[in-house]
Protein backbone atom coordinates (compact mmCIF):
# COMPACT_ATOMS: atom_id res chain seq x y z
CA UNK A 1 101.45 100.65 154.06
CA UNK A 2 103.27 100.90 157.60
CA UNK A 3 104.84 104.50 158.05
CA UNK A 4 106.63 106.36 161.06
CA UNK A 5 103.89 107.91 162.48
CA UNK A 6 105.32 111.70 162.97
CA UNK A 7 104.71 112.47 159.26
CA UNK A 8 101.71 111.11 156.56
CA UNK A 9 102.87 111.59 153.32
CA UNK A 10 99.68 114.41 151.36
CA UNK A 11 96.54 112.46 150.79
CA UNK A 12 97.14 109.86 152.77
CA UNK A 13 95.37 108.63 156.57
CA UNK A 14 95.97 105.76 159.45
CA UNK A 15 93.91 103.18 159.87
CA UNK A 16 92.44 104.07 163.06
CA UNK A 17 88.49 104.51 162.14
CA UNK A 18 88.13 107.90 161.46
CA UNK A 19 84.87 108.46 159.71
CA UNK A 20 84.70 109.73 156.08
CA UNK A 21 81.53 111.66 153.73
CA UNK A 22 81.17 109.16 151.59
CA UNK A 23 80.57 111.14 148.68
CA UNK A 24 83.97 112.58 148.91
CA UNK A 25 85.86 109.66 148.84
CA UNK A 26 83.76 107.65 146.26
CA UNK A 27 86.39 105.86 144.27
CA UNK A 28 88.32 105.25 147.53
CA UNK A 29 84.64 103.43 149.11
CA UNK A 30 84.19 101.57 145.58
CA UNK A 31 87.93 99.55 145.69
CA UNK A 32 86.72 99.32 149.42
CA UNK A 33 83.29 97.43 148.53
CA UNK A 34 81.41 98.98 151.17
CA UNK A 35 78.13 100.67 150.24
CA UNK A 36 77.87 103.76 148.15
CA UNK A 37 74.08 104.88 149.49
CA UNK A 38 75.39 105.84 152.34
CA UNK A 39 76.78 109.33 153.84
CA UNK A 40 79.78 107.99 156.10
CA UNK A 41 81.92 105.07 156.24
CA UNK A 42 84.78 104.63 158.42
CA UNK A 43 88.56 103.84 157.71
CA UNK A 44 90.03 99.84 158.47
CA UNK A 45 91.62 100.23 162.37
CA UNK A 46 95.13 98.08 161.76
CA UNK A 47 96.94 98.41 164.46
CA UNK A 48 101.46 98.83 164.34
CA UNK A 49 103.46 95.67 165.17
CA UNK A 50 105.74 99.39 166.70
CA UNK A 51 104.70 102.14 169.13
CA UNK A 52 106.96 104.12 166.62
CA UNK A 53 105.16 103.74 162.49
CA UNK A 54 101.10 103.79 161.86
CA UNK A 55 99.90 102.08 159.12
CA UNK A 56 98.81 104.11 156.22
CA UNK A 57 95.38 104.85 153.38
CA UNK A 58 95.98 106.38 150.45
CA UNK A 59 92.44 108.72 150.19
CA UNK A 60 93.00 109.92 147.02
CA UNK A 61 94.88 109.00 144.04
CA UNK A 62 94.21 107.71 140.70
CA UNK A 63 91.16 104.81 140.21
CA UNK A 64 92.57 101.57 138.88
CA UNK A 65 91.38 100.97 135.86
CA UNK A 66 88.86 97.44 135.03
CA UNK A 67 90.40 94.92 132.14
């Protein structure tokens, strides 16, 4: 989601390649299709088309149910 860079909502992080602990973010790792055996993973790096905005990703929420 594109969002103003001066404030990031709770449970969201900037898509800047930050490295996170896999075990603390298993649902996100699973949704992203990453290796759950790795101790860490990186958030995607998504450049914004405008200097006042950044792309953010939800790092904590409800895991979607499969149908």
